[in-house]
C-alpha atoms as a PDB file:
ATOM      1  CA  UNK A   1      -0.577   0.609   0.178  1.00  0.00           C
ATOM      2  CA  UNK A   2       1.404   3.430  -1.192  1.00  0.00           C
ATOM      3  CA  UNK A   3       1.470   6.542   1.224  1.00  0.00           C
ATOM      4  CA  UNK A   4      -0.983   8.084  -0.902  1.00  0.00           C
ATOM      5  CA  UNK A   5      -3.320   5.157  -0.763  1.00  0.00           C
ATOM      6  CA  UNK A   6      -2.925   4.250   3.591  1.00  0.00           C
ATOM      7  CA  UNK A   7      -3.834   8.057   3.100  1.00  0.00           C
ATOM      8  CA  UNK A   8      -6.972   7.919   1.382  1.00  0.00           C
ATOM      9  CA  UNK A   9      -7.547   4.567   3.393  1.00  0.00           C
ATOM     10  CA  UNK A  10      -7.904   6.332   6.745  1.00  0.00           C
ATOM     11  CA  UNK A  11      -9.318   9.206   6.144  1.00  0.00           C
ATOM     12  CA  UNK A  12     -12.482   7.452   4.301  1.00  0.00           C
ATOM     13  CA  UNK A  13     -11.951   4.980   7.155  1.00  0.00           C
ATOM     14  CA  UNK A  14     -12.484   8.219   9.967  1.00  0.00           C
ATOM     15  CA  UNK A  15     -15.196   9.827   8.861  1.00  0.00           C
ATOM     16  CA  UNK A  16     -17.010   6.933   8.239  1.00  0.00           C
ATOM     17  CA  UNK A  17     -17.100   5.926  12.137  1.00  0.00           C
ATOM     18  CA  UNK A  18     -17.177   9.357  13.299  1.00  0.00           C
ATOM     19  CA  UNK A  19     -20.910   9.323  14.362  1.00  0.00           C
ATOM     20  CA  UNK A  20     -20.053   5.685  16.468  1.00  0.00           C
ATOM     21  CA  UNK A  21     -16.364   6.471  17.121  1.00  0.00           C
ATOM     22  CA  UNK A  22     -16.368   7.273  21.120  1.00  0.00           C
ATOM     23  CA  UNK A  23     -19.245   4.259  21.501  1.00  0.00           C
ATOM     24  CA  UNK A  24     -17.946   1.873  19.839  1.00  0.00           C
ATOM     25  CA  UNK A  25     -13.773   2.929  21.780  1.00  0.00           C
ATOM     26  CA  UNK A  26     -15.942   2.290  25.108  1.00  0.00           C
ATOM     27  CA  UNK A  27     -17.294  -1.301  23.979  1.00  0.00           C
ATOM     28  CA  UNK A  28     -14.106  -2.322  22.087  1.00  0.00           C
ATOM     29  CA  UNK A  29     -10.949  -1.215  25.047  1.00  0.00           C
ATOM     30  CA  UNK A  30     -13.610  -2.729  27.621  1.00  0.00           C
ATOM     31  CA  UNK A  31     -13.516   1.695  28.455  1.00  0.00           C
ATOM     32  CA  UNK A  32     -10.159   0.477  28.858  1.00  0.00           C
ATOM     33  CA  UNK A  33      -8.697   3.816  26.530  1.00  0.00           C
ATOM     34  CA  UNK A  34      -9.749   5.828  29.089  1.00  0.00           C
ATOM     35  CA  UNK A  35      -7.739   4.438  32.262  1.00  0.00           C
ATOM     36  CA  UNK A  36      -4.647   3.963  29.449  1.00  0.00           C
ATOM     37  CA  UNK A  37      -5.501   7.926  28.943  1.00  0.00           C
ATOM     38  CA  UNK A  38      -5.544   8.952  32.719  1.00  0.00           C
ATOM     39  CA  UNK A  39      -2.673   6.727  33.561  1.00  0.00           C
ATOM     40  CA  UNK A  40      -0.270   8.357  31.078  1.00  0.00           C
ATOM     41  CA  UNK A  41      -1.967  12.085  32.254  1.00  0.00           C
ATOM     42  CA  UNK A  42      -0.838  11.027  35.801  1.00  0.00           C
ATOM     43  CA  UNK A  43       2.749  11.125  34.150  1.00  0.00           C
ATOM     44  CA  UNK A  44       2.424  14.403  33.110  1.00  0.00           C
ATOM     45  CA  UNK A  45       3.513  18.198  34.054  1.00  0.00           C
ATOM     46  CA  UNK A  46       0.893  20.146  32.375  1.00  0.00           C
ATOM     47  CA  UNK A  47       0.751  23.661  33.839  1.00  0.00           C
ATOM     48  CA  UNK A  48      -1.474  26.800  33.080  1.00  0.00           C
ATOM     49  CA  UNK A  49       0.012  28.640  29.861  1.00  0.00           C
ATOM     50  CA  UNK A  50       2.054  26.091  28.611  1.00  0.00           C
ATOM     51  CA  UNK A  51       0.747  25.452  25.118  1.00  0.00           C
ATOM     52  CA  UNK A  52      -0.392  22.163  23.727  1.00  0.00           C
ATOM     53  CA  UNK A  53      -0.539  20.060  20.601  1.00  0.00           C
ATOM     54  CA  UNK A  54      -2.953  16.869  20.513  1.00  0.00           C
ATOM     55  CA  UNK A  55      -2.204  14.973  16.825  1.00  0.00           C
ATOM     56  CA  UNK A  56      -4.780  13.349  15.425  1.00  0.00           C
ATOM     57  CA  UNK A  57      -7.466  14.389  18.014  1.00  0.00           C
ATOM     58  CA  UNK A  58     -10.482  12.608  16.141  1.00  0.00           C
ATOM     59  CA  UNK A  59     -13.338  13.303  18.735  1.00  0.00           C
ATOM     60  CA  UNK A  60     -11.381  15.385  21.409  1.00  0.00           C
ATOM     61  CA  UNK A  61     -11.393  13.239  24.463  1.00  0.00           C
ATOM     62  CA  UNK A  62      -7.621  13.950  25.223  1.00  0.00           C
ATOM     63  CA  UNK A  63      -7.881  17.163  23.388  1.00  0.00           C
ATOM     64  CA  UNK A  64     -10.037  18.355  26.309  1.00  0.00           C
ATOM     65  CA  UNK A  65      -8.902  16.361  29.314  1.00  0.00           C
ATOM     66  CA  UNK A  66      -5.572  18.231  28.359  1.00  0.00           C
ATOM     67  CA  UNK A  67      -7.076  21.526  28.149  1.00  0.00           C
ATOM     68  CA  UNK A  68      -8.746  20.944  31.901  1.00  0.00           C
ATOM     69  CA  UNK A  69      -5.315  21.607  32.836  1.00  0.00           C
ATOM     70  CA  UNK A  70      -5.087  24.884  31.841  1.00  0.00           C
ATOM     71  CA  UNK A  71      -2.843  24.432  28.554  1.00  0.00           C
ATOM     72  CA  UNK A  72      -3.799  26.387  25.358  1.00  0.00           C
ATOM     73  CA  UNK A  73      -4.390  23.731  23.651  1.00  0.00           C
ATOM     74  CA  UNK A  74      -5.319  22.413  19.920  1.00  0.00           C
ATOM     75  CA  UNK A  75      -6.514  20.102  18.024  1.00  0.00           C
ATOM     76  CA  UNK A  76      -5.172  18.466  14.971  1.00  0.00           C
ATOM     77  CA  UNK A  77      -6.980  15.875  12.876  1.00  0.00           C
ATOM     78  CA  UNK A  78      -7.412  15.505   9.088  1.00  0.00           C
ATOM     79  CA  UNK A  79     -10.576  13.680   9.413  1.00  0.00           C
ATOM     80  CA  UNK A  80     -13.698  16.655   9.099  1.00  0.00           C
ATOM     81  CA  UNK A  81     -16.103  14.367  10.257  1.00  0.00           C
ATOM     82  CA  UNK A  82     -14.180  13.622  13.543  1.00  0.00           C
ATOM     83  CA  UNK A  83     -13.398  17.476  13.788  1.00  0.00           C
ATOM     84  CA  UNK A  84     -17.385  18.174  13.544  1.00  0.00           C
ATOM     85  CA  UNK A  85     -17.871  15.750  16.850  1.00  0.00           C
ATOM     86  CA  UNK A  86     -14.615  17.593  18.411  1.00  0.00           C
ATOM     87  CA  UNK A  87     -16.151  20.739  17.500  1.00  0.00           C
ATOM     88  CA  UNK A  88     -19.327  19.940  19.739  1.00  0.00           C
ATOM     89  CA  UNK A  89     -17.528  18.107  22.796  1.00  0.00           C
ATOM     90  CA  UNK A  90     -15.303  21.368  23.049  1.00  0.00           C
ATOM     91  CA  UNK A  91     -17.580  24.093  22.564  1.00  0.00           C
ATOM     92  CA  UNK A  92     -17.602  25.425  26.120  1.00  0.00           C
ATOM     93  CA  UNK A  93     -13.733  26.124  26.256  1.00  0.00           C
ATOM     94  CA  UNK A  94     -12.437  29.227  25.360  1.00  0.00           C
ATOM     95  CA  UNK A  95      -8.500  27.174  25.398  1.00  0.00           C
ATOM     96  CA  UNK A  96      -8.994  24.796  23.111  1.00  0.00           C
ATOM     97  CA  UNK A  97      -8.758  25.127  19.177  1.00  0.00           C
ATOM     98  CA  UNK A  98      -9.867  22.643  16.435  1.00  0.00           C
ATOM     99  CA  UNK A  99      -7.606  22.508  13.534  1.00  0.00           C
ATOM    100  CA  UNK A 100      -7.890  20.192  10.248  1.00  0.00           C
ATOM    101  CA  UNK A 101      -4.854  19.639   9.009  1.00  0.00           C
ATOM    102  CA  UNK A 102      -2.302  16.448   8.173  1.00  0.00           C
ATOM    103  CA  UNK A 103      -0.136  14.860  11.117  1.00  0.00           C
ATOM    104  CA  UNK A 104       2.743  14.570   8.214  1.00  0.00           C
ATOM    105  CA  UNK A 105       2.931  17.693   8.352  1.00  0.00           C
ATOM    106  CA  UNK A 106       2.170  20.426  11.104  1.00  0.00           C
ATOM    107  CA  UNK A 107       1.094  23.845   9.674  1.00  0.00           C
ATOM    108  CA  UNK A 108       3.121  25.158  12.802  1.00  0.00           C
ATOM    109  CA  UNK A 109       6.519  26.325  13.229  1.00  0.00           C
ATOM    110  CA  UNK A 110       9.362  25.081  14.707  1.00  0.00           C
ATOM    111  CA  UNK A 111       9.677  24.979  18.439  1.00  0.00           C
ATOM    112  CA  UNK A 112       6.706  26.197  19.395  1.00  0.00           C
ATOM    113  CA  UNK A 113       4.835  23.765  22.567  1.00  0.00           C
ATOM    114  CA  UNK A 114       5.950  22.266  25.381  1.00  0.00           C
ATOM    115  CA  UNK A 115       4.253  18.742  25.013  1.00  0.00           C
ATOM    116  CA  UNK A 116       3.203  16.759  21.557  1.00  0.00           C
ATOM    117  CA  UNK A 117       0.109  14.339  22.359  1.00  0.00           C
ATOM    118  CA  UNK A 118      -0.862  11.662  20.118  1.00  0.00           C
ATOM    119  CA  UNK A 119      -3.427   9.039  21.017  1.00  0.00           C
ATOM    120  CA  UNK A 120      -4.513   6.019  18.660  1.00  0.00           C
ATOM    121  CA  UNK A 121      -2.808   7.894  16.003  1.00  0.00           C
ATOM    122  CA  UNK A 122       0.130   6.654  15.266  1.00  0.00           C
ATOM    123  CA  UNK A 123      -0.117   2.985  13.341  1.00  0.00           C
ATOM    124  CA  UNK A 124      -2.639   5.004  11.228  1.00  0.00           C
ATOM    125  CA  UNK A 125      -0.069   7.490   9.516  1.00  0.00           C
ATOM    126  CA  UNK A 126       1.796   6.200   6.379  1.00  0.00           C
ATOM    127  CA  UNK A 127       4.949   6.938   7.933  1.00  0.00           C
ATOM    128  CA  UNK A 128       5.763   6.666  11.070  1.00  0.00           C
ATOM    129  CA  UNK A 129       9.101   8.408  11.506  1.00  0.00           C
ATOM    130  CA  UNK A 130       8.409  11.494   9.116  1.00  0.00           C
ATOM    131  CA  UNK A 131       5.586  11.814  11.358  1.00  0.00           C
ATOM    132  CA  UNK A 132       7.809  11.779  14.418  1.00  0.00           C
ATOM    133  CA  UNK A 133      10.159  14.040  12.995  1.00  0.00           C
ATOM    134  CA  UNK A 134       7.787  16.726  12.252  1.00  0.00           C
ATOM    135  CA  UNK A 135       6.789  15.937  15.783  1.00  0.00           C
ATOM    136  CA  UNK A 136       9.988  16.696  17.376  1.00  0.00           C
ATOM    137  CA  UNK A 137      10.529  19.512  15.260  1.00  0.00           C
ATOM    138  CA  UNK A 138       7.123  21.747  16.378  1.00  0.00           C
ATOM    139  CA  UNK A 139       8.880  20.501  20.070  1.00  0.00           C
ATOM    140  CA  UNK A 140      10.322  23.554  22.108  1.00  0.00           C
ATOM    141  CA  UNK A 141      13.760  22.733  23.437  1.00  0.00           C
ATOM    142  CA  UNK A 142      12.830  20.833  26.346  1.00  0.00           C
ATOM    143  CA  UNK A 143       9.557  19.819  25.488  1.00  0.00           C
ATOM    144  CA  UNK A 144       7.767  16.458  25.309  1.00  0.00           C
ATOM    145  CA  UNK A 145       5.814  13.824  22.897  1.00  0.00           C
ATOM    146  CA  UNK A 146       3.690  11.629  24.387  1.00  0.00           C
ATOM    147  CA  UNK A 147       2.680   9.003  21.863  1.00  0.00           C
ATOM    148  CA  UNK A 148      -0.064   6.790  23.858  1.00  0.00           C
ATOM    149  CA  UNK A 149      -0.938   3.399  21.512  1.00  0.00           C
ATOM    150  CA  UNK A 150      -2.091  -0.295  21.220  1.00  0.00           C
ATOM    151  CA  UNK A 151       0.425  -2.397  21.213  1.00  0.00           C
ATOM    152  CA  UNK A 152       1.752  -6.103  20.968  1.00  0.00           C
ATOM    153  CA  UNK A 153       1.847  -7.962  24.415  1.00  0.00           C
ATOM    154  CA  UNK A 154       5.842  -9.618  24.850  1.00  0.00           C
ATOM    155  CA  UNK A 155       3.612 -12.906  26.429  1.00  0.00           C
ATOM    156  CA  UNK A 156       2.721 -15.188  23.793  1.00  0.00           C
ATOM    157  CA  UNK A 157      -0.228 -16.556  25.397  1.00  0.00           C
ATOM    158  CA  UNK A 158      -1.453 -13.292  26.016  1.00  0.00           C
ATOM    159  CA  UNK A 159      -0.413 -12.205  22.719  1.00  0.00           C
ATOM    160  CA  UNK A 160      -2.556 -15.080  21.391  1.00  0.00           C
ATOM    161  CA  UNK A 161      -5.715 -14.182  23.214  1.00  0.00           C
ATOM    162  CA  UNK A 162      -5.170 -10.560  21.547  1.00  0.00           C
ATOM    163  CA  UNK A 163      -4.670 -11.484  18.240  1.00  0.00           C
ATOM    164  CA  UNK A 164      -8.021 -13.719  19.037  1.00  0.00           C
ATOM    165  CA  UNK A 165     -10.576 -10.550  20.071  1.00  0.00           C
ATOM    166  CA  UNK A 166      -8.636  -7.499  17.787  1.00  0.00           C
ATOM    167  CA  UNK A 167      -8.924  -9.955  14.716  1.00  0.00           C
ATOM    168  CA  UNK A 168     -11.948 -12.070  14.850  1.00  0.00           C
ATOM    169  CA  UNK A 169     -13.944 -10.366  17.728  1.00  0.00           C
ATOM    170  CA  UNK A 170     -13.917  -6.920  17.515  1.00  0.00           C
ATOM    171  CA  UNK A 171     -14.436  -6.473  13.740  1.00  0.00           C
ATOM    172  CA  UNK A 172     -17.791  -8.566  14.781  1.00  0.00           C
ATOM    173  CA  UNK A 173     -18.353  -6.493  17.175  1.00  0.00           C
ATOM    174  CA  UNK A 174     -18.206  -3.239  14.642  1.00  0.00           C
ATOM    175  CA  UNK A 175     -20.465  -5.362  12.336  1.00  0.00           C
ATOM    176  CA  UNK A 176     -22.778  -6.217  14.833  1.00  0.00           C
ATOM    177  CA  UNK A 177     -22.817  -2.673  16.570  1.00  0.00           C
ATOM    178  CA  UNK A 178     -22.251   0.058  14.042  1.00  0.00           C
ATOM    179  CA  UNK A 179     -22.593  -1.999  10.572  1.00  0.00           C
ATOM    180  CA  UNK A 180     -19.018  -1.783   9.640  1.00  0.00           C
ATOM    181  CA  UNK A 181     -16.891  -4.376  10.434  1.00  0.00           C
ATOM    182  CA  UNK A 182     -14.292  -3.267   6.967  1.00  0.00           C
ATOM    183  CA  UNK A 183     -13.607  -0.475   8.690  1.00  0.00           C
ATOM    184  CA  UNK A 184     -12.940  -2.095  11.937  1.00  0.00           C
ATOM    185  CA  UNK A 185     -11.324  -4.768  10.574  1.00  0.00           C
ATOM    186  CA  UNK A 186      -8.628  -1.831   9.810  1.00  0.00           C
ATOM    187  CA  UNK A 187      -7.786  -1.531  13.016  1.00  0.00           C
ATOM    188  CA  UNK A 188      -7.036  -4.647  13.669  1.00  0.00           C
ATOM    189  CA  UNK A 189      -4.777  -4.798  10.933  1.00  0.00           C
ATOM    190  CA  UNK A 190      -3.385  -1.145  11.900  1.00  0.00           C
ATOM    191  CA  UNK A 191      -2.335  -1.907  15.181  1.00  0.00           C
ATOM    192  CA  UNK A 192      -0.971  -5.760  14.113  1.00  0.00           C
ATOM    193  CA  UNK A 193       1.153  -4.155  11.927  1.00  0.00           C
ATOM    194  CA  UNK A 194       2.336  -1.403  14.351  1.00  0.00           C
ATOM    195  CA  UNK A 195       6.584  -1.506  15.790  1.00  0.00           C
ATOM    196  CA  UNK A 196       6.982  -2.821  18.817  1.00  0.00           C
ATOM    197  CA  UNK A 197       7.285  -1.094  22.335  1.00  0.00           C
ATOM    198  CA  UNK A 198      11.609  -1.497  21.739  1.00  0.00           C
ATOM    199  CA  UNK A 199      11.509  -0.626  18.004  1.00  0.00           C
ATOM    200  CA  UNK A 200       8.933   2.619  18.904  1.00  0.00           C
ATOM    201  CA  UNK A 201      11.812   3.186  21.532  1.00  0.00           C
ATOM    202  CA  UNK A 202      14.880   3.342  18.539  1.00  0.00           C
ATOM    203  CA  UNK A 203      12.823   4.963  16.405  1.00  0.00           C
ATOM    204  CA  UNK A 204      12.304   7.926  18.876  1.00  0.00           C
ATOM    205  CA  UNK A 205      16.210   7.831  20.285  1.00  0.00           C
ATOM    206  CA  UNK A 206      16.900   8.054  16.674  1.00  0.00           C
ATOM    207  CA  UNK A 207      15.149  10.630  15.796  1.00  0.00           C
ATOM    208  CA  UNK A 208      17.095  12.627  18.696  1.00  0.00           C
ATOM    209  CA  UNK A 209      14.974  12.154  21.155  1.00  0.00           C
ATOM    210  CA  UNK A 210      16.733  12.167  24.952  1.00  0.00           C
ATOM    211  CA  UNK A 211      14.986  10.529  28.246  1.00  0.00           C
ATOM    212  CA  UNK A 212      13.106   7.605  26.853  1.00  0.00           C
ATOM    213  CA  UNK A 213      10.400   6.320  28.546  1.00  0.00           C
ATOM    214  CA  UNK A 214       8.078   3.328  28.113  1.00  0.00           C
ATOM    215  CA  UNK A 215       4.945   3.164  30.420  1.00  0.00           C
ATOM    216  CA  UNK A 216       3.207  -0.067  29.729  1.00  0.00           C
ATOM    217  CA  UNK A 217      -0.233  -1.037  29.873  1.00  0.00           C
ATOM    218  CA  UNK A 218      -2.735  -3.776  30.319  1.00  0.00           C
ATOM    219  CA  UNK A 219      -0.688  -7.154  29.931  1.00  0.00           C
ATOM    220  CA  UNK A 220       1.486  -4.812  27.536  1.00  0.00           C
ATOM    221  CA  UNK A 221      -1.816  -4.239  24.634  1.00  0.00           C
ATOM    222  CA  UNK A 222      -0.939  -0.125  24.774  1.00  0.00           C
ATOM    223  CA  UNK A 223       1.960   1.411  25.810  1.00  0.00           C
ATOM    224  CA  UNK A 224       2.842   5.329  26.358  1.00  0.00           C
ATOM    225  CA  UNK A 225       6.101   6.885  25.091  1.00  0.00           C
ATOM    226  CA  UNK A 226       7.583   9.930  26.602  1.00  0.00           C
ATOM    227  CA  UNK A 227      10.459  11.475  24.892  1.00  0.00           C
ATOM    228  CA  UNK A 228      12.462  14.363  25.774  1.00  0.00           C
ATOM    229  CA  UNK A 229      13.124  17.114  23.001  1.00  0.00           C
ATOM    230  CA  UNK A 230      16.554  18.185  24.063  1.00  0.00           C
ATOM    231  CA  UNK A 231      17.781  21.419  24.828  1.00  0.00           C
ATOM    232  CA  UNK A 232      20.953  22.292  22.906  1.00  0.00           C
ATOM    233  CA  UNK A 233      23.805  24.876  24.290  1.00  0.00           C
ATOM    234  CA  UNK A 234      24.843  27.327  21.847  1.00  0.00           C
END
C-alpha cells in the first residue's frame, strides 16, 4: 500500500465511523482507553499557559482532558467528520483550538509547543519516522512528546488472546453494532502491523529524542512512550 493509498483509506474510514467512534471505542476497549489515558496524564506535568498540540485528535477526548489543565490546547485531525464531533464536545472551552490538517505536515512553526501528544493515531500514519521528525520539529527544546498507542503483548499466551480479540471479535462487534465491519477490521490491521514498544523507542532515540520512557498498560496491550526534545547549547 502506497503512502497516498493509506492516507486515503484512513481518511475514508474515520470519516465513516465518526458518529459511532466514541461509543464503539468504549465497547471495544472495555473502556480501557480511558484508564490508559488517565495513567498517562498522571505522568505529565501540564501547567496553565503551556502550549499543547494533540495530533490526530479525533473526537477530542484527550484534547479536552489536556485543556482541563489550563494549557492552551490545539487539536489537529485530517478527518472533517471527526473534527465536527470534537467541535461540539469542546464548544465550552476557550483554550481549545481545532484545526483541520495533516499530521505528516504540521502547519506550525518550529519550537512552538511544550507538549505534543498523539493517542491511537501514529499507527494510522503512512510514515511513522517522518511524522515523529515533524513532532520533534514543532516541540520546544525541553518539550515532551507523548505517544499513547496499542501494542503487541510480549507474552505469547496473552498475545494469542489479543490476536483473537482484535482480529476476530472486534471486527464482528463493529459489524454487529455499528454495521461497519470493514472499518473495524482496519483497526486490527493497523495495530497488528505497528511497531513493537522497543522498535518505537529506538525510532524516537534515532530521531534525536532523549530520556525515552515506556509505560505499558493492561498486560502490554497498549503503551505510552514519553520522549524529551533535548535543550541544545549554543
